[in-house]
PDB file of all heavy atoms in Angstrom:
ATOM      1  N   ILE A   1       0.826  -1.200  -0.025  1.00  0.00           N
ATOM      2  CA  ILE A   1       0.015   0.008   0.020  1.00  0.00           C
ATOM      3  C   ILE A   1       0.888   1.258  -0.006  1.00  0.00           C
ATOM      4  O   ILE A   1       1.787   1.336   0.806  1.00  0.00           O
ATOM      5  CB  ILE A   1      -0.927   0.013   1.210  1.00  0.00           C
ATOM      6  CG1 ILE A   1      -1.782  -1.235   1.236  1.00  0.00           C
ATOM      7  CG2 ILE A   1      -1.802   1.242   1.212  1.00  0.00           C
ATOM      8  CD1 ILE A   1      -2.609  -1.389   2.492  1.00  0.00           C
ATOM      9  N   ALA A   2       0.548   2.146  -0.929  1.00  0.00           N
ATOM     10  CA  ALA A   2       1.378   3.331  -1.003  1.00  0.00           C
ATOM     11  C   ALA A   2       0.503   4.592  -0.695  1.00  0.00           C
ATOM     12  O   ALA A   2      -0.715   4.603  -1.066  1.00  0.00           O
ATOM     13  CB  ALA A   2       1.940   3.510  -2.420  1.00  0.00           C
ATOM     14  N   SER A   3       1.070   5.540  -0.031  1.00  0.00           N
ATOM     15  CA  SER A   3       0.326   6.743   0.310  1.00  0.00           C
ATOM     16  C   SER A   3       1.228   7.961   0.033  1.00  0.00           C
ATOM     17  O   SER A   3       2.431   7.849   0.048  1.00  0.00           O
ATOM     18  CB  SER A   3      -0.079   6.759   1.793  1.00  0.00           C
ATOM     19  OG  SER A   3       1.053   6.654   2.597  1.00  0.00           O
ATOM     20  N   GLY A   4       0.542   9.078  -0.255  1.00  0.00           N
ATOM     21  CA  GLY A   4       1.373  10.274  -0.503  1.00  0.00           C
ATOM     22  C   GLY A   4       0.776  11.228  -1.492  1.00  0.00           C
ATOM     23  O   GLY A   4       1.341  12.239  -1.751  1.00  0.00           O
ATOM     24  N   GLY A   5      -0.433  10.922  -2.023  1.00  0.00           N
ATOM     25  CA  GLY A   5      -1.099  11.836  -2.868  1.00  0.00           C
ATOM     26  C   GLY A   5      -0.476  12.012  -4.201  1.00  0.00           C
ATOM     27  O   GLY A   5      -0.022  13.096  -4.612  1.00  0.00           O
ATOM     28  N   PHE A   6      -0.366  10.906  -4.980  1.00  0.00           N
ATOM     29  CA  PHE A   6       0.300  10.943  -6.277  1.00  0.00           C
ATOM     30  C   PHE A   6      -0.413   9.951  -7.202  1.00  0.00           C
ATOM     31  O   PHE A   6      -1.202   9.107  -6.742  1.00  0.00           O
ATOM     32  CB  PHE A   6       1.755  10.571  -6.117  1.00  0.00           C
ATOM     33  CG  PHE A   6       1.968   9.340  -5.262  1.00  0.00           C
ATOM     34  CD1 PHE A   6       1.862   8.090  -5.794  1.00  0.00           C
ATOM     35  CD2 PHE A   6       2.142   9.433  -3.910  1.00  0.00           C
ATOM     36  CE1 PHE A   6       1.946   6.928  -5.058  1.00  0.00           C
ATOM     37  CE2 PHE A   6       2.235   8.261  -3.107  1.00  0.00           C
ATOM     38  CZ  PHE A   6       2.153   7.079  -3.691  1.00  0.00           C
ATOM     39  N   ALA A   7      -0.023   9.965  -8.498  1.00  0.00           N
ATOM     40  CA  ALA A   7      -0.569   9.034  -9.434  1.00  0.00           C
ATOM     41  C   ALA A   7       0.383   7.836  -9.528  1.00  0.00           C
ATOM     42  O   ALA A   7       1.623   8.017  -9.525  1.00  0.00           O
ATOM     43  CB  ALA A   7      -0.722   9.664 -10.820  1.00  0.00           C
ATOM     44  N   VAL A   8      -0.194   6.681  -9.583  1.00  0.00           N
ATOM     45  CA  VAL A   8       0.657   5.429  -9.715  1.00  0.00           C
ATOM     46  C   VAL A   8       0.444   4.803 -11.016  1.00  0.00           C
ATOM     47  O   VAL A   8      -0.686   4.647 -11.473  1.00  0.00           O
ATOM     48  CB  VAL A   8       0.283   4.463  -8.562  1.00  0.00           C
ATOM     49  CG1 VAL A   8       1.174   3.183  -8.746  1.00  0.00           C
ATOM     50  CG2 VAL A   8       0.516   5.023  -7.195  1.00  0.00           C
ATOM     51  N   TYR A   9       1.538   4.494 -11.677  1.00  0.00           N
ATOM     52  CA  TYR A   9       1.457   3.932 -13.027  1.00  0.00           C
ATOM     53  C   TYR A   9       1.683   2.401 -12.927  1.00  0.00           C
ATOM     54  O   TYR A   9       0.852   1.670 -12.390  1.00  0.00           O
ATOM     55  CB  TYR A   9       2.412   4.621 -13.924  1.00  0.00           C
ATOM     56  CG  TYR A   9       2.275   6.084 -13.976  1.00  0.00           C
ATOM     57  CD1 TYR A   9       3.318   7.011 -13.726  1.00  0.00           C
ATOM     58  CD2 TYR A   9       0.993   6.668 -14.104  1.00  0.00           C
ATOM     59  CE1 TYR A   9       3.204   8.345 -13.723  1.00  0.00           C
ATOM     60  CE2 TYR A   9       0.865   8.077 -14.065  1.00  0.00           C
ATOM     61  CZ  TYR A   9       1.953   8.898 -13.877  1.00  0.00           C
ATOM     62  OH  TYR A   9       1.744  10.276 -13.828  1.00  0.00           O
ATOM     63  N   ASP A  10       2.816   1.904 -13.392  1.00  0.00           N
ATOM     64  CA  ASP A  10       3.069   0.519 -13.256  1.00  0.00           C
ATOM     65  C   ASP A  10       3.355   0.090 -11.830  1.00  0.00           C
ATOM     66  O   ASP A  10       3.950   0.864 -11.054  1.00  0.00           O
ATOM     67  CB  ASP A  10       4.312   0.114 -14.102  1.00  0.00           C
ATOM     68  CG  ASP A  10       3.964   0.057 -15.579  1.00  0.00           C
ATOM     69  OD1 ASP A  10       2.806   0.232 -15.937  1.00  0.00           O
ATOM     70  OD2 ASP A  10       4.920  -0.219 -16.368  1.00  0.00           O
ATOM     71  N   MET A  11       2.928  -1.094 -11.461  1.00  0.00           N
ATOM     72  CA  MET A  11       3.139  -1.666 -10.178  1.00  0.00           C
ATOM     73  C   MET A  11       3.751  -3.055 -10.359  1.00  0.00           C
ATOM     74  O   MET A  11       3.264  -3.780 -11.243  1.00  0.00           O
ATOM     75  CB  MET A  11       1.867  -1.726  -9.317  1.00  0.00           C
ATOM     76  CG  MET A  11       1.098  -0.408  -9.282  1.00  0.00           C
ATOM     77  SD  MET A  11      -0.493  -0.533  -8.451  1.00  0.00           S
ATOM     78  CE  MET A  11      -0.023  -0.188  -6.761  1.00  0.00           C
ATOM     79  N   ALA A  12       4.672  -3.418  -9.528  1.00  0.00           N
ATOM     80  CA  ALA A  12       5.349  -4.719  -9.740  1.00  0.00           C
ATOM     81  C   ALA A  12       5.850  -5.346  -8.406  1.00  0.00           C
ATOM     82  O   ALA A  12       5.989  -4.584  -7.398  1.00  0.00           O
ATOM     83  CB  ALA A  12       6.536  -4.603 -10.730  1.00  0.00           C
ATOM     84  N   TRP A  13       6.011  -6.622  -8.445  1.00  0.00           N
ATOM     85  CA  TRP A  13       6.656  -7.302  -7.334  1.00  0.00           C
ATOM     86  C   TRP A  13       7.988  -7.917  -7.861  1.00  0.00           C
ATOM     87  O   TRP A  13       7.999  -8.561  -8.954  1.00  0.00           O
ATOM     88  CB  TRP A  13       5.741  -8.439  -6.809  1.00  0.00           C
ATOM     89  CG  TRP A  13       4.664  -7.948  -5.948  1.00  0.00           C
ATOM     90  CD1 TRP A  13       3.375  -7.704  -6.342  1.00  0.00           C
ATOM     91  CD2 TRP A  13       4.730  -7.605  -4.520  1.00  0.00           C
ATOM     92  NE1 TRP A  13       2.650  -7.222  -5.278  1.00  0.00           N
ATOM     93  CE2 TRP A  13       3.420  -7.189  -4.165  1.00  0.00           C
ATOM     94  CE3 TRP A  13       5.745  -7.687  -3.587  1.00  0.00           C
ATOM     95  CZ2 TRP A  13       3.146  -6.815  -2.870  1.00  0.00           C
ATOM     96  CZ3 TRP A  13       5.467  -7.298  -2.329  1.00  0.00           C
ATOM     97  CH2 TRP A  13       4.208  -6.887  -1.887  1.00  0.00           C
ATOM     98  N   TYR A  14       8.999  -7.733  -7.099  1.00  0.00           N
ATOM     99  CA  TYR A  14      10.321  -8.371  -7.346  1.00  0.00           C
ATOM    100  C   TYR A  14      10.651  -9.234  -6.161  1.00  0.00           C
ATOM    101  O   TYR A  14      10.080  -9.129  -5.113  1.00  0.00           O
ATOM    102  CB  TYR A  14      11.390  -7.290  -7.487  1.00  0.00           C
ATOM    103  CG  TYR A  14      11.390  -6.505  -8.776  1.00  0.00           C
ATOM    104  CD1 TYR A  14      10.393  -5.518  -9.044  1.00  0.00           C
ATOM    105  CD2 TYR A  14      12.296  -6.768  -9.787  1.00  0.00           C
ATOM    106  CE1 TYR A  14      10.387  -4.824 -10.211  1.00  0.00           C
ATOM    107  CE2 TYR A  14      12.274  -6.037 -10.996  1.00  0.00           C
ATOM    108  CZ  TYR A  14      11.333  -5.097 -11.188  1.00  0.00           C
ATOM    109  OH  TYR A  14      11.317  -4.406 -12.400  1.00  0.00           O
ATOM    110  N   ARG A  15      11.622 -10.095  -6.384  1.00  0.00           N
ATOM    111  CA  ARG A  15      12.118 -10.906  -5.280  1.00  0.00           C
ATOM    112  C   ARG A  15      13.602 -11.128  -5.397  1.00  0.00           C
ATOM    113  O   ARG A  15      14.167 -11.136  -6.504  1.00  0.00           O
ATOM    114  CB  ARG A  15      11.394 -12.274  -5.214  1.00  0.00           C
ATOM    115  CG  ARG A  15      11.729 -13.218  -6.316  1.00  0.00           C
ATOM    116  CD  ARG A  15      10.895 -14.477  -6.133  1.00  0.00           C
ATOM    117  NE  ARG A  15      11.204 -15.454  -7.257  1.00  0.00           N
ATOM    118  CZ  ARG A  15      10.529 -16.593  -7.487  1.00  0.00           C
ATOM    119  NH1 ARG A  15       9.509 -16.919  -6.651  1.00  0.00           N
ATOM    120  NH2 ARG A  15      10.852 -17.404  -8.458  1.00  0.00           N
ATOM    121  N   GLN A  16      14.217 -11.342  -4.268  1.00  0.00           N
ATOM    122  CA  GLN A  16      15.611 -11.665  -4.234  1.00  0.00           C
ATOM    123  C   GLN A  16      15.809 -12.996  -3.416  1.00  0.00           C
ATOM    124  O   GLN A  16      15.577 -12.947  -2.210  1.00  0.00           O
ATOM    125  CB  GLN A  16      16.466 -10.575  -3.639  1.00  0.00           C
ATOM    126  CG  GLN A  16      17.967 -10.842  -3.715  1.00  0.00           C
ATOM    127  CD  GLN A  16      18.837  -9.631  -3.545  1.00  0.00           C
ATOM    128  OE1 GLN A  16      18.367  -8.638  -2.984  1.00  0.00           O
ATOM    129  NE2 GLN A  16      20.078  -9.653  -4.014  1.00  0.00           N
ATOM    130  N   ARG A  17      16.081 -13.987  -4.149  1.00  0.00           N
ATOM    131  CA  ARG A  17      16.302 -15.288  -3.450  1.00  0.00           C
ATOM    132  C   ARG A  17      17.692 -15.389  -2.919  1.00  0.00           C
ATOM    133  O   ARG A  17      18.625 -14.661  -3.414  1.00  0.00           O
ATOM    134  CB  ARG A  17      16.026 -16.440  -4.487  1.00  0.00           C
ATOM    135  CG  ARG A  17      14.592 -16.501  -4.969  1.00  0.00           C
ATOM    136  CD  ARG A  17      14.329 -17.661  -5.824  1.00  0.00           C
ATOM    137  NE  ARG A  17      14.821 -17.410  -7.195  1.00  0.00           N
ATOM    138  CZ  ARG A  17      14.646 -18.284  -8.197  1.00  0.00           C
ATOM    139  NH1 ARG A  17      14.094 -19.495  -7.970  1.00  0.00           N
ATOM    140  NH2 ARG A  17      15.053 -17.998  -9.423  1.00  0.00           N
ATOM    141  N   PRO A  18      17.952 -16.202  -1.900  1.00  0.00           N
ATOM    142  CA  PRO A  18      19.321 -16.297  -1.277  1.00  0.00           C
ATOM    143  C   PRO A  18      20.413 -16.576  -2.316  1.00  0.00           C
ATOM    144  O   PRO A  18      20.292 -17.530  -3.123  1.00  0.00           O
ATOM    145  CB  PRO A  18      19.125 -17.456  -0.305  1.00  0.00           C
ATOM    146  CG  PRO A  18      17.700 -17.496   0.010  1.00  0.00           C
ATOM    147  CD  PRO A  18      16.958 -17.093  -1.237  1.00  0.00           C
ATOM    148  N   GLY A  19      21.353 -15.715  -2.365  1.00  0.00           N
ATOM    149  CA  GLY A  19      22.455 -15.928  -3.275  1.00  0.00           C
ATOM    150  C   GLY A  19      22.191 -15.568  -4.657  1.00  0.00           C
ATOM    151  O   GLY A  19      23.051 -15.804  -5.568  1.00  0.00           O
ATOM    152  N   LYS A  20      21.063 -14.951  -4.978  1.00  0.00           N
ATOM    153  CA  LYS A  20      20.687 -14.637  -6.381  1.00  0.00           C
ATOM    154  C   LYS A  20      20.449 -13.110  -6.426  1.00  0.00           C
ATOM    155  O   LYS A  20      20.285 -12.433  -5.473  1.00  0.00           O
ATOM    156  CB  LYS A  20      19.402 -15.383  -6.725  1.00  0.00           C
ATOM    157  CG  LYS A  20      19.408 -16.854  -6.573  1.00  0.00           C
ATOM    158  CD  LYS A  20      20.215 -17.502  -7.652  1.00  0.00           C
ATOM    159  CE  LYS A  20      20.137 -18.983  -7.625  1.00  0.00           C
ATOM    160  NZ  LYS A  20      20.934 -19.643  -8.675  1.00  0.00           N
ATOM    161  N   GLN A  21      20.421 -12.639  -7.696  1.00  0.00           N
ATOM    162  CA  GLN A  21      20.122 -11.222  -7.996  1.00  0.00           C
ATOM    163  C   GLN A  21      18.613 -11.026  -7.922  1.00  0.00           C
ATOM    164  O   GLN A  21      17.805 -12.005  -8.118  1.00  0.00           O
ATOM    165  CB  GLN A  21      20.625 -10.840  -9.337  1.00  0.00           C
ATOM    166  CG  GLN A  21      22.167 -10.735  -9.435  1.00  0.00           C
ATOM    167  CD  GLN A  21      22.629 -10.118 -10.725  1.00  0.00           C
ATOM    168  OE1 GLN A  21      21.956 -10.210 -11.776  1.00  0.00           O
ATOM    169  NE2 GLN A  21      23.803  -9.488 -10.701  1.00  0.00           N
ATOM    170  N   ARG A  22      18.228  -9.818  -7.647  1.00  0.00           N
ATOM    171  CA  ARG A  22      16.799  -9.510  -7.668  1.00  0.00           C
ATOM    172  C   ARG A  22      16.172  -9.764  -9.036  1.00  0.00           C
ATOM    173  O   ARG A  22      16.804  -9.428 -10.069  1.00  0.00           O
ATOM    174  CB  ARG A  22      16.612  -8.063  -7.225  1.00  0.00           C
ATOM    175  CG  ARG A  22      15.141  -7.621  -7.033  1.00  0.00           C
ATOM    176  CD  ARG A  22      14.974  -6.349  -6.258  1.00  0.00           C
ATOM    177  NE  ARG A  22      15.666  -5.288  -6.851  1.00  0.00           N
ATOM    178  CZ  ARG A  22      15.938  -4.067  -6.248  1.00  0.00           C
ATOM    179  NH1 ARG A  22      15.476  -3.901  -5.005  1.00  0.00           N
ATOM    180  NH2 ARG A  22      16.559  -3.166  -6.879  1.00  0.00           N
ATOM    181  N   GLU A  23      14.992 -10.260  -9.022  1.00  0.00           N
ATOM    182  CA  GLU A  23      14.316 -10.597 -10.333  1.00  0.00           C
ATOM    183  C   GLU A  23      12.889 -10.143 -10.294  1.00  0.00           C
ATOM    184  O   GLU A  23      12.234 -10.114  -9.218  1.00  0.00           O
ATOM    185  CB  GLU A  23      14.393 -12.144 -10.561  1.00  0.00           C
ATOM    186  CG  GLU A  23      13.709 -12.959  -9.478  1.00  0.00           C
ATOM    187  CD  GLU A  23      13.819 -14.425  -9.719  1.00  0.00           C
ATOM    188  OE1 GLU A  23      14.268 -14.876 -10.778  1.00  0.00           O
ATOM    189  OE2 GLU A  23      13.423 -15.192  -8.811  1.00  0.00           O
ATOM    190  N   LEU A  24      12.316  -9.833 -11.453  1.00  0.00           N
ATOM    191  CA  LEU A  24      10.938  -9.484 -11.570  1.00  0.00           C
ATOM    192  C   LEU A  24      10.078 -10.752 -11.400  1.00  0.00           C
ATOM    193  O   LEU A  24      10.338 -11.741 -12.010  1.00  0.00           O
ATOM    194  CB  LEU A  24      10.660  -8.883 -12.925  1.00  0.00           C
ATOM    195  CG  LEU A  24       9.226  -8.586 -13.255  1.00  0.00           C
ATOM    196  CD1 LEU A  24       8.692  -7.413 -12.370  1.00  0.00           C
ATOM    197  CD2 LEU A  24       9.052  -8.188 -14.710  1.00  0.00           C
ATOM    198  N   VAL A  25       9.088 -10.634 -10.562  1.00  0.00           N
ATOM    199  CA  VAL A  25       8.126 -11.720 -10.343  1.00  0.00           C
ATOM    200  C   VAL A  25       6.858 -11.481 -11.222  1.00  0.00           C
ATOM    201  O   VAL A  25       6.415 -12.345 -11.969  1.00  0.00           O
ATOM    202  CB  VAL A  25       7.716 -11.840  -8.870  1.00  0.00           C
ATOM    203  CG1 VAL A  25       6.619 -12.945  -8.732  1.00  0.00           C
ATOM    204  CG2 VAL A  25       8.904 -12.110  -8.036  1.00  0.00           C
ATOM    205  N   ALA A  26       6.294 -10.262 -11.122  1.00  0.00           N
ATOM    206  CA  ALA A  26       5.088  -9.934 -11.839  1.00  0.00           C
ATOM    207  C   ALA A  26       4.924  -8.458 -11.872  1.00  0.00           C
ATOM    208  O   ALA A  26       5.336  -7.726 -10.996  1.00  0.00           O
ATOM    209  CB  ALA A  26       3.831 -10.519 -11.171  1.00  0.00           C
ATOM    210  N   ARG A  27       4.283  -7.993 -12.999  1.00  0.00           N
ATOM    211  CA  ARG A  27       4.056  -6.551 -13.203  1.00  0.00           C
ATOM    212  C   ARG A  27       2.637  -6.357 -13.703  1.00  0.00           C
ATOM    213  O   ARG A  27       2.096  -7.182 -14.437  1.00  0.00           O
ATOM    214  CB  ARG A  27       5.015  -5.991 -14.234  1.00  0.00           C
ATOM    215  CG  ARG A  27       4.781  -4.488 -14.526  1.00  0.00           C
ATOM    216  CD  ARG A  27       5.703  -4.022 -15.622  1.00  0.00           C
ATOM    217  NE  ARG A  27       7.073  -3.878 -15.163  1.00  0.00           N
ATOM    218  CZ  ARG A  27       8.085  -4.585 -15.686  1.00  0.00           C
ATOM    219  NH1 ARG A  27       7.939  -5.441 -16.619  1.00  0.00           N
ATOM    220  NH2 ARG A  27       9.314  -4.374 -15.164  1.00  0.00           N
ATOM    221  N   ILE A  28       2.056  -5.264 -13.260  1.00  0.00           N
ATOM    222  CA  ILE A  28       0.687  -4.908 -13.753  1.00  0.00           C
ATOM    223  C   ILE A  28       0.635  -3.452 -14.115  1.00  0.00           C
ATOM    224  O   ILE A  28       1.137  -2.547 -13.336  1.00  0.00           O
ATOM    225  CB  ILE A  28      -0.374  -5.260 -12.674  1.00  0.00           C
ATOM    226  CG1 ILE A  28      -1.771  -4.980 -13.198  1.00  0.00           C
ATOM    227  CG2 ILE A  28      -0.171  -4.546 -11.318  1.00  0.00           C
ATOM    228  CD1 ILE A  28      -2.873  -5.616 -12.305  1.00  0.00           C
ATOM    229  N   GLY A  29       0.146  -3.193 -15.298  1.00  0.00           N
ATOM    230  CA  GLY A  29       0.111  -1.760 -15.840  1.00  0.00           C
ATOM    231  C   GLY A  29      -1.220  -1.090 -15.395  1.00  0.00           C
ATOM    232  O   GLY A  29      -2.073  -1.658 -14.755  1.00  0.00           O
ATOM    233  N   THR A  30      -1.323   0.159 -15.845  1.00  0.00           N
ATOM    234  CA  THR A  30      -2.472   0.941 -15.481  1.00  0.00           C
ATOM    235  C   THR A  30      -3.733   0.388 -16.094  1.00  0.00           C
ATOM    236  O   THR A  30      -4.820   0.578 -15.589  1.00  0.00           O
ATOM    237  CB  THR A  30      -2.287   2.410 -15.950  1.00  0.00           C
ATOM    238  OG1 THR A  30      -2.001   2.390 -17.326  1.00  0.00           O
ATOM    239  CG2 THR A  30      -1.221   3.074 -15.156  1.00  0.00           C
ATOM    240  N   GLU A  31      -3.637  -0.288 -17.266  1.00  0.00           N
ATOM    241  CA  GLU A  31      -4.806  -0.950 -17.919  1.00  0.00           C
ATOM    242  C   GLU A  31      -4.944  -2.388 -17.445  1.00  0.00           C
ATOM    243  O   GLU A  31      -5.691  -3.140 -18.022  1.00  0.00           O
ATOM    244  CB  GLU A  31      -4.645  -0.904 -19.436  1.00  0.00           C
ATOM    245  CG  GLU A  31      -4.481   0.529 -20.016  1.00  0.00           C
ATOM    246  CD  GLU A  31      -5.723   1.373 -19.769  1.00  0.00           C
ATOM    247  OE1 GLU A  31      -6.855   0.793 -19.796  1.00  0.00           O
ATOM    248  OE2 GLU A  31      -5.536   2.534 -19.480  1.00  0.00           O
ATOM    249  N   GLU A  32      -4.228  -2.701 -16.345  1.00  0.00           N
ATOM    250  CA  GLU A  32      -4.260  -4.032 -15.732  1.00  0.00           C
ATOM    251  C   GLU A  32      -3.719  -5.163 -16.621  1.00  0.00           C
ATOM    252  O   GLU A  32      -4.089  -6.325 -16.500  1.00  0.00           O
ATOM    253  CB  GLU A  32      -5.673  -4.385 -15.237  1.00  0.00           C
ATOM    254  CG  GLU A  32      -6.163  -3.331 -14.197  1.00  0.00           C
ATOM    255  CD  GLU A  32      -7.231  -3.901 -13.317  1.00  0.00           C
ATOM    256  OE1 GLU A  32      -7.498  -5.079 -13.262  1.00  0.00           O
ATOM    257  OE2 GLU A  32      -7.831  -3.062 -12.550  1.00  0.00           O
ATOM    258  N   THR A  33      -2.925  -4.772 -17.629  1.00  0.00           N
ATOM    259  CA  THR A  33      -2.176  -5.800 -18.373  1.00  0.00           C
ATOM    260  C   THR A  33      -1.100  -6.317 -17.456  1.00  0.00           C
ATOM    261  O   THR A  33      -0.476  -5.570 -16.635  1.00  0.00           O
ATOM    262  CB  THR A  33      -1.508  -5.208 -19.636  1.00  0.00           C
ATOM    263  OG1 THR A  33      -0.720  -4.114 -19.241  1.00  0.00           O
ATOM    264  CG2 THR A  33      -2.559  -4.768 -20.622  1.00  0.00           C
ATOM    265  N   THR A  34      -0.821  -7.601 -17.514  1.00  0.00           N
ATOM    266  CA  THR A  34       0.079  -8.278 -16.582  1.00  0.00           C
ATOM    267  C   THR A  34       1.146  -9.015 -17.355  1.00  0.00           C
ATOM    268  O   THR A  34       0.947  -9.483 -18.441  1.00  0.00           O
ATOM    269  CB  THR A  34      -0.637  -9.212 -15.621  1.00  0.00           C
ATOM    270  OG1 THR A  34      -1.311 -10.212 -16.457  1.00  0.00           O
ATOM    271  CG2 THR A  34      -1.673  -8.490 -14.790  1.00  0.00           C
ATOM    272  N   ASN A  35       2.297  -9.216 -16.672  1.00  0.00           N
ATOM    273  CA  ASN A  35       3.267 -10.168 -17.134  1.00  0.00           C
ATOM    274  C   ASN A  35       3.950 -10.795 -15.955  1.00  0.00           C
ATOM    275  O   ASN A  35       4.042 -10.193 -14.852  1.00  0.00           O
ATOM    276  CB  ASN A  35       4.260  -9.572 -18.115  1.00  0.00           C
ATOM    277  CG  ASN A  35       5.091  -8.451 -17.515  1.00  0.00           C
ATOM    278  OD1 ASN A  35       4.604  -7.324 -17.347  1.00  0.00           O
ATOM    279  ND2 ASN A  35       6.311  -8.751 -17.176  1.00  0.00           N
ATOM    280  N   TYR A  36       4.322 -12.059 -16.125  1.00  0.00           N
ATOM    281  CA  TYR A  36       4.912 -12.852 -15.058  1.00  0.00           C
ATOM    282  C   TYR A  36       6.196 -13.514 -15.451  1.00  0.00           C
ATOM    283  O   TYR A  36       6.432 -13.844 -16.665  1.00  0.00           O
ATOM    284  CB  TYR A  36       3.901 -13.980 -14.707  1.00  0.00           C
ATOM    285  CG  TYR A  36       2.554 -13.499 -14.100  1.00  0.00           C
ATOM    286  CD1 TYR A  36       1.511 -13.249 -14.967  1.00  0.00           C
ATOM    287  CD2 TYR A  36       2.373 -13.293 -12.792  1.00  0.00           C
ATOM    288  CE1 TYR A  36       0.279 -12.835 -14.460  1.00  0.00           C
ATOM    289  CE2 TYR A  36       1.180 -12.905 -12.229  1.00  0.00           C
ATOM    290  CZ  TYR A  36       0.139 -12.614 -13.124  1.00  0.00           C
ATOM    291  OH  TYR A  36      -1.082 -12.200 -12.561  1.00  0.00           O
ATOM    292  N   ALA A  37       6.990 -13.745 -14.450  1.00  0.00           N
ATOM    293  CA  ALA A  37       8.182 -14.591 -14.653  1.00  0.00           C
ATOM    294  C   ALA A  37       7.698 -16.066 -14.990  1.00  0.00           C
ATOM    295  O   ALA A  37       6.733 -16.458 -14.459  1.00  0.00           O
ATOM    296  CB  ALA A  37       9.048 -14.627 -13.413  1.00  0.00           C
ATOM    297  N   ASP A  38       8.439 -16.672 -15.857  1.00  0.00           N
ATOM    298  CA  ASP A  38       8.016 -18.038 -16.227  1.00  0.00           C
ATOM    299  C   ASP A  38       7.941 -18.950 -14.999  1.00  0.00           C
ATOM    300  O   ASP A  38       7.070 -19.833 -15.005  1.00  0.00           O
ATOM    301  CB  ASP A  38       9.042 -18.646 -17.238  1.00  0.00           C
ATOM    302  CG  ASP A  38       8.951 -17.955 -18.637  1.00  0.00           C
ATOM    303  OD1 ASP A  38       7.926 -17.351 -18.918  1.00  0.00           O
ATOM    304  OD2 ASP A  38       9.909 -18.145 -19.348  1.00  0.00           O
ATOM    305  N   SER A  39       8.736 -18.756 -14.037  1.00  0.00           N
ATOM    306  CA  SER A  39       8.765 -19.634 -12.864  1.00  0.00           C
ATOM    307  C   SER A  39       7.544 -19.531 -11.986  1.00  0.00           C
ATOM    308  O   SER A  39       7.295 -20.438 -11.202  1.00  0.00           O
ATOM    309  CB  SER A  39       9.986 -19.288 -12.073  1.00  0.00           C
ATOM    310  OG  SER A  39      10.011 -17.957 -11.640  1.00  0.00           O
ATOM    311  N   VAL A  40       6.707 -18.483 -12.179  1.00  0.00           N
ATOM    312  CA  VAL A  40       5.554 -18.326 -11.311  1.00  0.00           C
ATOM    313  C   VAL A  40       4.234 -18.342 -12.112  1.00  0.00           C
ATOM    314  O   VAL A  40       3.186 -18.276 -11.521  1.00  0.00           O
ATOM    315  CB  VAL A  40       5.624 -17.027 -10.486  1.00  0.00           C
ATOM    316  CG1 VAL A  40       6.967 -16.954  -9.712  1.00  0.00           C
ATOM    317  CG2 VAL A  40       5.442 -15.805 -11.350  1.00  0.00           C
ATOM    318  N   LYS A  41       4.310 -18.407 -13.450  1.00  0.00           N
ATOM    319  CA  LYS A  41       3.136 -18.446 -14.245  1.00  0.00           C
ATOM    320  C   LYS A  41       2.161 -19.571 -13.836  1.00  0.00           C
ATOM    321  O   LYS A  41       2.618 -20.708 -13.666  1.00  0.00           O
ATOM    322  CB  LYS A  41       3.428 -18.560 -15.710  1.00  0.00           C
ATOM    323  CG  LYS A  41       3.910 -17.266 -16.345  1.00  0.00           C
ATOM    324  CD  LYS A  41       4.278 -17.456 -17.826  1.00  0.00           C
ATOM    325  CE  LYS A  41       4.775 -16.169 -18.442  1.00  0.00           C
ATOM    326  NZ  LYS A  41       5.187 -16.336 -19.815  1.00  0.00           N
ATOM    327  N   GLY A  42       0.889 -19.274 -13.667  1.00  0.00           N
ATOM    328  CA  GLY A  42      -0.069 -20.258 -13.290  1.00  0.00           C
ATOM    329  C   GLY A  42      -0.135 -20.463 -11.789  1.00  0.00           C
ATOM    330  O   GLY A  42      -1.081 -21.182 -11.314  1.00  0.00           O
ATOM    331  N   ARG A  43       0.760 -19.919 -11.084  1.00  0.00           N
ATOM    332  CA  ARG A  43       0.750 -20.097  -9.569  1.00  0.00           C
ATOM    333  C   ARG A  43       0.490 -18.711  -8.864  1.00  0.00           C
ATOM    334  O   ARG A  43      -0.157 -18.723  -7.779  1.00  0.00           O
ATOM    335  CB  ARG A  43       2.035 -20.712  -9.095  1.00  0.00           C
ATOM    336  CG  ARG A  43       2.359 -22.032  -9.719  1.00  0.00           C
ATOM    337  CD  ARG A  43       3.604 -22.716  -9.045  1.00  0.00           C
ATOM    338  NE  ARG A  43       4.805 -21.858  -9.190  1.00  0.00           N
ATOM    339  CZ  ARG A  43       5.528 -21.407  -8.182  1.00  0.00           C
ATOM    340  NH1 ARG A  43       5.207 -21.629  -6.936  1.00  0.00           N
ATOM    341  NH2 ARG A  43       6.639 -20.733  -8.468  1.00  0.00           N
TER     342      ARG A  43
END
């Protein structure tokens, strides 16, 4: 949840697994278009 009186465009979740670089998990645009990492698709 974000607060501060502003417009929000793209929103996304990233993760950093132990010993790994941060990676994109999922993103959702203003029109609710989504994309997912292959490793989480369907889950």
